[in-house]
C-alpha atoms as a PDB file:
ATOM      1  CA  MET A   1      38.598   9.830 -37.545  1.00  0.00           C
ATOM      2  CA  ALA A   2      40.917   9.701 -41.207  1.00  0.00           C
ATOM      3  CA  ALA A   3      41.347   6.031 -39.804  1.00  0.00           C
ATOM      4  CA  LEU A   4      37.769   5.214 -39.567  1.00  0.00           C
ATOM      5  CA  ALA A   5      36.968   6.477 -42.732  1.00  0.00           C
ATOM      6  CA  ILE A   6      39.704   4.467 -44.963  1.00  0.00           C
ATOM      7  CA  LEU A   7      38.071   1.512 -43.246  1.00  0.00           C
ATOM      8  CA  ALA A   8      34.880   2.271 -43.579  1.00  0.00           C
ATOM      9  CA  PHE A   9      35.123   2.726 -47.159  1.00  0.00           C
ATOM     10  CA  ALA A  10      37.443  -0.363 -47.845  1.00  0.00           C
ATOM     11  CA  GLY A  11      34.459  -2.074 -46.089  1.00  0.00           C
ATOM     12  CA  GLU A  12      31.774  -0.802 -48.938  1.00  0.00           C
ATOM     13  CA  ALA A  13      34.817  -1.239 -51.759  1.00  0.00           C
ATOM     14  CA  ALA A  14      35.544  -5.236 -50.470  1.00  0.00           C
ATOM     15  CA  ALA A  15      31.919  -5.901 -50.789  1.00  0.00           C
ATOM     16  CA  GLN A  16      31.463  -4.440 -54.343  1.00  0.00           C
ATOM     17  CA  SER A  17      34.365  -6.733 -55.622  1.00  0.00           C
ATOM     18  CA  ARG A  18      35.910  -8.998 -52.679  1.00  0.00           C
ATOM     19  CA  ALA A  19      36.901 -11.682 -55.541  1.00  0.00           C
ATOM     20  CA  ASP A  20      39.866  -9.046 -56.648  1.00  0.00           C
ATOM     21  CA  SER A  21      40.345  -7.778 -52.780  1.00  0.00           C
ATOM     22  CA  VAL A  22      44.052  -8.156 -50.986  1.00  0.00           C
ATOM     23  CA  LEU A  23      44.754  -7.254 -47.390  1.00  0.00           C
ATOM     24  CA  GLU A  24      48.307  -6.344 -46.327  1.00  0.00           C
ATOM     25  CA  LEU A  25      50.032  -6.492 -42.602  1.00  0.00           C
ATOM     26  CA  GLU A  26      53.560  -5.443 -42.999  1.00  0.00           C
ATOM     27  CA  VAL A  27      56.130  -4.834 -40.207  1.00  0.00           C
ATOM     28  CA  GLY A  28      59.612  -2.357 -40.428  1.00  0.00           C
ATOM     29  CA  ALA A  29      62.761  -1.654 -38.954  1.00  0.00           C
ATOM     30  CA  ALA A  30      63.292   1.959 -40.143  1.00  0.00           C
ATOM     31  CA  TRP A  31      66.741   3.524 -39.678  1.00  0.00           C
ATOM     32  CA  GLN A  32      66.999   7.601 -39.407  1.00  0.00           C
ATOM     33  CA  ASP A  33      69.131   8.940 -41.998  1.00  0.00           C
ATOM     34  CA  ARG A  34      68.127  12.814 -41.632  1.00  0.00           C
ATOM     35  CA  ASN A  35      65.817  14.728 -40.135  1.00  0.00           C
ATOM     36  CA  ASP A  36      66.369  18.573 -40.357  1.00  0.00           C
ATOM     37  CA  VAL A  37      64.394  20.432 -38.298  1.00  0.00           C
ATOM     38  CA  GLN A  38      63.666  24.527 -38.099  1.00  0.00           C
ATOM     39  CA  ILE A  39      60.753  25.939 -36.592  1.00  0.00           C
ATOM     40  CA  PRO A  40      59.454  28.168 -37.345  1.00  0.00           C
ATOM     41  CA  ASN A  41      61.189  28.508 -40.469  1.00  0.00           C
ATOM     42  CA  ASP A  42      62.956  32.362 -39.676  1.00  0.00           C
ATOM     43  CA  SER A  43      65.869  34.295 -37.745  1.00  0.00           C
ATOM     44  CA  SER A  44      64.168  33.618 -34.079  1.00  0.00           C
ATOM     45  CA  SER A  45      64.485  29.536 -34.274  1.00  0.00           C
ATOM     46  CA  THR A  46      67.850  27.196 -34.708  1.00  0.00           C
ATOM     47  CA  ARG A  47      68.336  24.677 -37.249  1.00  0.00           C
ATOM     48  CA  PHE A  48      69.362  21.417 -35.917  1.00  0.00           C
ATOM     49  CA  PRO A  49      69.619  17.954 -36.698  1.00  0.00           C
ATOM     50  CA  LEU A  50      66.537  16.198 -34.906  1.00  0.00           C
ATOM     51  CA  ASP A  51      68.300  12.591 -35.523  1.00  0.00           C
ATOM     52  CA  SER A  52      71.194  13.738 -33.275  1.00  0.00           C
ATOM     53  CA  VAL A  53      68.846  13.193 -30.445  1.00  0.00           C
ATOM     54  CA  THR A  54      66.932  10.773 -31.214  1.00  0.00           C
ATOM     55  CA  GLY A  55      69.473   8.497 -32.976  1.00  0.00           C
ATOM     56  CA  SER A  56      69.199   6.790 -36.547  1.00  0.00           C
ATOM     57  CA  GLY A  57      67.395   3.413 -35.113  1.00  0.00           C
ATOM     58  CA  PRO A  58      66.223   1.106 -35.857  1.00  0.00           C
ATOM     59  CA  PHE A  59      62.496   2.539 -35.158  1.00  0.00           C
ATOM     60  CA  SER A  60      58.928   0.275 -35.426  1.00  0.00           C
ATOM     61  CA  ALA A  61      57.480   1.132 -38.778  1.00  0.00           C
ATOM     62  CA  PRO A  62      54.142  -0.606 -39.332  1.00  0.00           C
ATOM     63  CA  ARG A  63      51.654  -1.020 -41.898  1.00  0.00           C
ATOM     64  CA  ILE A  64      48.081  -1.911 -43.039  1.00  0.00           C
ATOM     65  CA  GLN A  65      46.986  -1.604 -46.707  1.00  0.00           C
ATOM     66  CA  PHE A  66      43.959  -2.861 -48.516  1.00  0.00           C
ATOM     67  CA  SER A  67      43.360  -2.943 -52.378  1.00  0.00           C
ATOM     68  CA  THR A  68      40.187  -4.282 -53.837  1.00  0.00           C
ATOM     69  CA  GLY A  69      39.263  -3.960 -57.706  1.00  0.00           C
ATOM     70  CA  LEU A  70      36.412  -1.441 -58.918  1.00  0.00           C
ATOM     71  CA  ALA A  71      35.794  -2.248 -62.554  1.00  0.00           C
ATOM     72  CA  SER A  72      38.069  -3.380 -64.925  1.00  0.00           C
ATOM     73  CA  ARG A  73      41.710  -2.668 -65.050  1.00  0.00           C
ATOM     74  CA  HIS A  74      40.684   0.217 -62.324  1.00  0.00           C
ATOM     75  CA  GLU A  75      41.706  -0.507 -58.695  1.00  0.00           C
ATOM     76  CA  LEU A  76      41.735   1.457 -55.388  1.00  0.00           C
ATOM     77  CA  ARG A  77      44.273   1.335 -52.522  1.00  0.00           C
ATOM     78  CA  LEU A  78      44.185   2.063 -49.011  1.00  0.00           C
ATOM     79  CA  LEU A  79      46.701   2.672 -47.053  1.00  0.00           C
ATOM     80  CA  VAL A  80      47.817   3.790 -43.055  1.00  0.00           C
ATOM     81  CA  ALA A  81      51.408   3.633 -42.019  1.00  0.00           C
ATOM     82  CA  PRO A  82      52.137   5.244 -39.139  1.00  0.00           C
ATOM     83  CA  LEU A  83      55.863   6.112 -37.681  1.00  0.00           C
ATOM     84  CA  ARG A  84      56.555   7.435 -34.324  1.00  0.00           C
ATOM     85  CA  ILE A  85      60.017   7.717 -32.644  1.00  0.00           C
ATOM     86  CA  LYS A  86      60.410   9.045 -29.133  1.00  0.00           C
ATOM     87  CA  GLU A  87      64.063   8.874 -27.531  1.00  0.00           C
ATOM     88  CA  SER A  88      65.884  10.611 -25.610  1.00  0.00           C
ATOM     89  CA  GLY A  89      69.461  12.322 -26.396  1.00  0.00           C
ATOM     90  CA  SER A  90      71.181  15.686 -26.121  1.00  0.00           C
ATOM     91  CA  LEU A  91      72.186  19.164 -27.692  1.00  0.00           C
ATOM     92  CA  ASP A  92      75.372  20.115 -28.481  1.00  0.00           C
ATOM     93  CA  LYS A  93      74.049  24.128 -28.438  1.00  0.00           C
ATOM     94  CA  VAL A  94      71.236  26.155 -28.140  1.00  0.00           C
ATOM     95  CA  VAL A  95      68.697  25.741 -29.885  1.00  0.00           C
ATOM     96  CA  ASN A  96      65.288  27.871 -30.083  1.00  0.00           C
ATOM     97  CA  PHE A  97      62.312  25.150 -30.773  1.00  0.00           C
ATOM     98  CA  GLN A  98      59.322  26.982 -31.414  1.00  0.00           C
ATOM     99  CA  GLY A  99      59.404  29.944 -29.112  1.00  0.00           C
ATOM    100  CA  GLN A 100      61.192  28.145 -26.388  1.00  0.00           C
ATOM    101  CA  ALA A 101      64.861  27.840 -25.651  1.00  0.00           C
ATOM    102  CA  PHE A 102      67.092  24.660 -24.471  1.00  0.00           C
ATOM    103  CA  ALA A 103      69.941  24.430 -23.601  1.00  0.00           C
ATOM    104  CA  PRO A 104      72.897  22.550 -24.347  1.00  0.00           C
ATOM    105  CA  GLY A 105      72.871  18.890 -22.777  1.00  0.00           C
ATOM    106  CA  GLY A 106      69.994  16.184 -22.252  1.00  0.00           C
ATOM    107  CA  VAL A 107      66.742  16.267 -23.974  1.00  0.00           C
ATOM    108  CA  GLU A 108      63.907  14.204 -25.208  1.00  0.00           C
ATOM    109  CA  ALA A 109      62.633  15.114 -28.505  1.00  0.00           C
ATOM    110  CA  LYS A 110      58.939  13.275 -30.186  1.00  0.00           C
ATOM    111  CA  TYR A 111      58.254  12.628 -33.939  1.00  0.00           C
ATOM    112  CA  ARG A 112      55.346  11.604 -35.206  1.00  0.00           C
ATOM    113  CA  PHE A 113      54.073  11.156 -38.878  1.00  0.00           C
ATOM    114  CA  ASP A 114      51.160   9.180 -39.709  1.00  0.00           C
ATOM    115  CA  SER A 115      50.081   9.031 -43.181  1.00  0.00           C
ATOM    116  CA  TYR A 116      46.453   7.915 -44.200  1.00  0.00           C
ATOM    117  CA  ARG A 117      46.405   7.213 -47.928  1.00  0.00           C
ATOM    118  CA  ALA A 118      43.753   6.571 -50.793  1.00  0.00           C
ATOM    119  CA  THR A 119      44.781   5.925 -53.791  1.00  0.00           C
ATOM    120  CA  TRP A 120      43.733   5.138 -57.609  1.00  0.00           C
ATOM    121  CA  ARG A 121      45.001   3.315 -59.852  1.00  0.00           C
ATOM    122  CA  TYR A 122      44.658   1.584 -63.781  1.00  0.00           C
ATOM    123  CA  THR A 123      46.451  -1.095 -64.939  1.00  0.00           C
ATOM    124  CA  PHE A 124      47.906   0.203 -68.732  1.00  0.00           C
ATOM    125  CA  HIS A 125      49.577  -2.819 -69.323  1.00  0.00           C
ATOM    126  CA  GLU A 126      49.408  -6.667 -68.333  1.00  0.00           C
ATOM    127  CA  GLY A 127      51.758  -9.311 -69.991  1.00  0.00           C
ATOM    128  CA  ALA A 128      52.750 -12.656 -69.145  1.00  0.00           C
ATOM    129  CA  ASP A 129      55.553 -11.268 -67.513  1.00  0.00           C
ATOM    130  CA  TRP A 130      54.877  -7.561 -66.240  1.00  0.00           C
ATOM    131  CA  THR A 131      51.981  -5.710 -64.989  1.00  0.00           C
ATOM    132  CA  TRP A 132      52.219  -1.941 -64.311  1.00  0.00           C
ATOM    133  CA  LYS A 133      49.768   0.403 -62.531  1.00  0.00           C
ATOM    134  CA  ALA A 134      49.526   3.986 -62.326  1.00  0.00           C
ATOM    135  CA  GLY A 135      47.443   6.971 -61.140  1.00  0.00           C
ATOM    136  CA  VAL A 136      46.584   9.482 -57.785  1.00  0.00           C
ATOM    137  CA  THR A 137      47.146   8.918 -54.554  1.00  0.00           C
ATOM    138  CA  GLY A 138      45.705  11.472 -51.953  1.00  0.00           C
ATOM    139  CA  LYS A 139      47.450  11.935 -48.754  1.00  0.00           C
ATOM    140  CA  ILE A 140      46.867  13.237 -45.539  1.00  0.00           C
ATOM    141  CA  ARG A 141      49.581  13.741 -43.177  1.00  0.00           C
ATOM    142  CA  ASP A 142      49.495  13.588 -39.163  1.00  0.00           C
ATOM    143  CA  ALA A 143      52.432  14.875 -37.968  1.00  0.00           C
ATOM    144  CA  GLU A 144      54.409  16.175 -34.914  1.00  0.00           C
ATOM    145  CA  ILE A 145      57.837  17.262 -33.455  1.00  0.00           C
ATOM    146  CA  THR A 146      57.817  17.867 -29.698  1.00  0.00           C
ATOM    147  CA  LEU A 147      60.991  19.165 -27.396  1.00  0.00           C
ATOM    148  CA  ARG A 148      60.645  18.348 -23.655  1.00  0.00           C
ATOM    149  CA  GLN A 149      63.485  19.529 -21.191  1.00  0.00           C
ATOM    150  CA  GLY A 150      63.144  19.863 -17.730  1.00  0.00           C
ATOM    151  CA  GLY A 151      59.898  21.867 -17.087  1.00  0.00           C
ATOM    152  CA  VAL A 152      60.546  23.279 -20.309  1.00  0.00           C
ATOM    153  CA  THR A 153      58.161  21.651 -23.655  1.00  0.00           C
ATOM    154  CA  SER A 154      57.848  22.886 -27.337  1.00  0.00           C
ATOM    155  CA  THR A 155      55.617  21.451 -29.485  1.00  0.00           C
ATOM    156  CA  LYS A 156      54.770  22.014 -33.677  1.00  0.00           C
ATOM    157  CA  SER A 157      51.807  19.697 -34.900  1.00  0.00           C
ATOM    158  CA  ASP A 158      50.560  19.978 -38.618  1.00  0.00           C
ATOM    159  CA  THR A 159      47.973  17.848 -40.220  1.00  0.00           C
ATOM    160  CA  GLY A 160      47.058  18.549 -44.122  1.00  0.00           C
ATOM    161  CA  PHE A 161      46.529  16.724 -47.513  1.00  0.00           C
ATOM    162  CA  VAL A 162      48.974  15.890 -50.335  1.00  0.00           C
ATOM    163  CA  PRO A 163      48.403  15.080 -53.732  1.00  0.00           C
ATOM    164  CA  LEU A 164      50.862  12.622 -55.063  1.00  0.00           C
ATOM    165  CA  LEU A 165      51.386  10.764 -58.475  1.00  0.00           C
ATOM    166  CA  HIS A 166      51.778   6.276 -57.820  1.00  0.00           C
ATOM    167  CA  VAL A 167      52.989   3.862 -60.070  1.00  0.00           C
ATOM    168  CA  TYR A 168      53.409   0.043 -59.423  1.00  0.00           C
ATOM    169  CA  GLY A 169      55.392  -2.626 -61.330  1.00  0.00           C
ATOM    170  CA  GLU A 170      55.420  -6.269 -61.142  1.00  0.00           C
ATOM    171  CA  ARG A 171      57.826  -8.814 -62.331  1.00  0.00           C
ATOM    172  CA  ARG A 172      56.924 -12.616 -62.486  1.00  0.00           C
ATOM    173  CA  LEU A 173      59.558 -14.650 -61.980  1.00  0.00           C
ATOM    174  CA  ASP A 174      57.480 -18.168 -61.561  1.00  0.00           C
ATOM    175  CA  GLY A 175      54.407 -19.386 -60.907  1.00  0.00           C
ATOM    176  CA  ARG A 176      54.492 -18.844 -57.465  1.00  0.00           C
ATOM    177  CA  SER A 177      57.198 -15.534 -56.765  1.00  0.00           C
ATOM    178  CA  ARG A 178      57.506 -12.292 -58.098  1.00  0.00           C
ATOM    179  CA  ILE A 179      59.136  -9.351 -57.442  1.00  0.00           C
ATOM    180  CA  THR A 180      57.525  -5.896 -57.060  1.00  0.00           C
ATOM    181  CA  PHE A 181      58.043  -2.175 -57.311  1.00  0.00           C
ATOM    182  CA  GLU A 182      55.529   0.689 -55.794  1.00  0.00           C
ATOM    183  CA  GLY A 183      55.677   4.246 -55.482  1.00  0.00           C
ATOM    184  CA  ASP A 184      54.109   7.239 -54.435  1.00  0.00           C
ATOM    185  CA  GLY A 185      55.408  10.573 -54.925  1.00  0.00           C
ATOM    186  CA  LEU A 186      55.884  14.292 -56.586  1.00  0.00           C
ATOM    187  CA  ALA A 187      58.475  17.157 -55.944  1.00  0.00           C
ATOM    188  CA  GLY A 188      58.127  20.781 -56.805  1.00  0.00           C
ATOM    189  CA  GLY A 189      57.034  24.091 -54.986  1.00  0.00           C
ATOM    190  CA  PRO A 190      58.246  24.239 -51.410  1.00  0.00           C
ATOM    191  CA  GLY A 191      58.923  20.320 -50.195  1.00  0.00           C
ATOM    192  CA  ARG A 192      58.631  16.611 -52.010  1.00  0.00           C
ATOM    193  CA  ALA A 193      57.338  13.562 -50.498  1.00  0.00           C
ATOM    194  CA  PHE A 194      58.404   9.929 -51.721  1.00  0.00           C
ATOM    195  CA  ASP A 195      57.733   6.566 -50.660  1.00  0.00           C
ATOM    196  CA  LEU A 196      59.695   3.818 -52.686  1.00  0.00           C
ATOM    197  CA  SER A 197      59.362  -0.052 -51.899  1.00  0.00           C
ATOM    198  CA  ALA A 198      60.564  -3.087 -53.949  1.00  0.00           C
ATOM    199  CA  ARG A 199      59.495  -6.297 -52.672  1.00  0.00           C
ATOM    200  CA  TYR A 200      60.160 -10.151 -53.309  1.00  0.00           C
ATOM    201  CA  VAL A 201      56.635 -12.173 -53.003  1.00  0.00           C
ATOM    202  CA  ARG A 202      55.977 -15.401 -52.839  1.00  0.00           C
ATOM    203  CA  ASP A 203      52.857 -17.296 -52.639  1.00  0.00           C
ATOM    204  CA  LEU A 204      52.913 -19.792 -49.786  1.00  0.00           C
ATOM    205  CA  GLY A 205      50.145 -21.742 -50.249  1.00  0.00           C
ATOM    206  CA  GLY A 206      46.163 -21.272 -50.076  1.00  0.00           C
ATOM    207  CA  ARG A 207      45.171 -17.400 -50.211  1.00  0.00           C
ATOM    208  CA  VAL A 208      48.718 -16.108 -48.361  1.00  0.00           C
ATOM    209  CA  SER A 209      51.632 -14.575 -49.625  1.00  0.00           C
ATOM    210  CA  GLY A 210      54.768 -13.778 -47.357  1.00  0.00           C
ATOM    211  CA  PHE A 211      57.351 -10.755 -48.679  1.00  0.00           C
ATOM    212  CA  ALA A 212      60.749  -9.126 -47.928  1.00  0.00           C
ATOM    213  CA  GLY A 213      61.827  -5.812 -49.083  1.00  0.00           C
ATOM    214  CA  LEU A 214      63.354  -2.928 -48.907  1.00  0.00           C
ATOM    215  CA  ARG A 215      61.538   1.050 -48.785  1.00  0.00           C
ATOM    216  CA  VAL A 216      63.106   4.481 -48.618  1.00  0.00           C
ATOM    217  CA  LEU A 217      60.618   7.496 -47.350  1.00  0.00           C
ATOM    218  CA  ASP A 218      61.671  10.459 -48.029  1.00  0.00           C
ATOM    219  CA  GLY A 219      60.712  14.423 -48.078  1.00  0.00           C
ATOM    220  CA  GLY A 220      59.829  17.253 -46.487  1.00  0.00           C
ATOM    221  CA  ALA A 221      59.130  21.195 -46.334  1.00  0.00           C
ATOM    222  CA  ASP A 222      60.602  24.813 -46.553  1.00  0.00           C
ATOM    223  CA  THR A 223      58.168  27.180 -46.180  1.00  0.00           C
ATOM    224  CA  ASN A 224      57.643  29.989 -43.931  1.00  0.00           C
ATOM    225  CA  SER A 225      56.490  28.023 -40.347  1.00  0.00           C
ATOM    226  CA  VAL A 226      58.448  25.125 -41.030  1.00  0.00           C
ATOM    227  CA  TYR A 227      61.438  23.794 -42.111  1.00  0.00           C
ATOM    228  CA  ASN A 228      62.248  19.340 -42.159  1.00  0.00           C
ATOM    229  CA  PHE A 229      63.490  17.032 -44.598  1.00  0.00           C
ATOM    230  CA  ALA A 230      63.754  13.852 -43.430  1.00  0.00           C
ATOM    231  CA  ARG A 231      65.235  10.630 -44.803  1.00  0.00           C
ATOM    232  CA  PHE A 232      64.213   6.853 -43.592  1.00  0.00           C
ATOM    233  CA  TYR A 233      65.535   3.663 -44.883  1.00  0.00           C
ATOM    234  CA  TYR A 234      63.533   0.333 -44.218  1.00  0.00           C
ATOM    235  CA  LEU A 235      63.617  -3.129 -44.020  1.00  0.00           C
ATOM    236  CA  THR A 236      60.172  -4.650 -44.286  1.00  0.00           C
ATOM    237  CA  ALA A 237      58.509  -8.278 -44.139  1.00  0.00           C
ATOM    238  CA  GLY A 238      54.615  -9.084 -44.153  1.00  0.00           C
ATOM    239  CA  LEU A 239      51.617 -11.307 -45.113  1.00  0.00           C
ATOM    240  CA  GLN A 240      49.206 -10.752 -47.720  1.00  0.00           C
ATOM    241  CA  TYR A 241      45.819 -12.400 -47.909  1.00  0.00           C
ATOM    242  CA  ARG A 242      43.558 -13.090 -50.940  1.00  0.00           C
ATOM    243  CA  MET A 243      39.904 -12.466 -49.796  1.00  0.00           C
END
């Protein structure tokens, strides 16, 4: 439902300001640096590294992004970013997870962290070499962790809203290429969330540009019901189409 709402909103925005609209398709290879889990976050469960079961990757991590001008210096950005891992591995100790006990040995693990975001951003500086934008992002997080061993399965899913700050920077190198920096993030209270990227972008001709870059996705929560902190490093590439 969230994805359909985002696409409908994107269509309305595009009709208002199609000249300033950009559709972006990104493919990514993500490596898992850490993924520590304890559910629930109390003495009844076991804290363990989920990445020791699933391995470090790489894992497929595609994205689709749409941005469009709303008014002078004002812009809307919409993003759909799924991240899904399903692998088999081994536990080296008894793990109590979400009310079930899993013995040492083979186990199947699933980790899902789908992100749907809408960003308003404002261009506060636009010079000959640099452009800077800042704004706020509303993120819907749709997450799930599942362990399966024989006939025993236990799942913890969670869907919630997360407010983030947003920043975008662009350094023009020449008439056809540039370096861009983009990030959503906020820390405080029971957790943190950061999604930071850097890219080299090159105009390919017509309305199409290509890019390649790096991304860091880091965050998690430490609450009564869940302890989960994860970090991923990405290599990314993709195409931008100016409408």
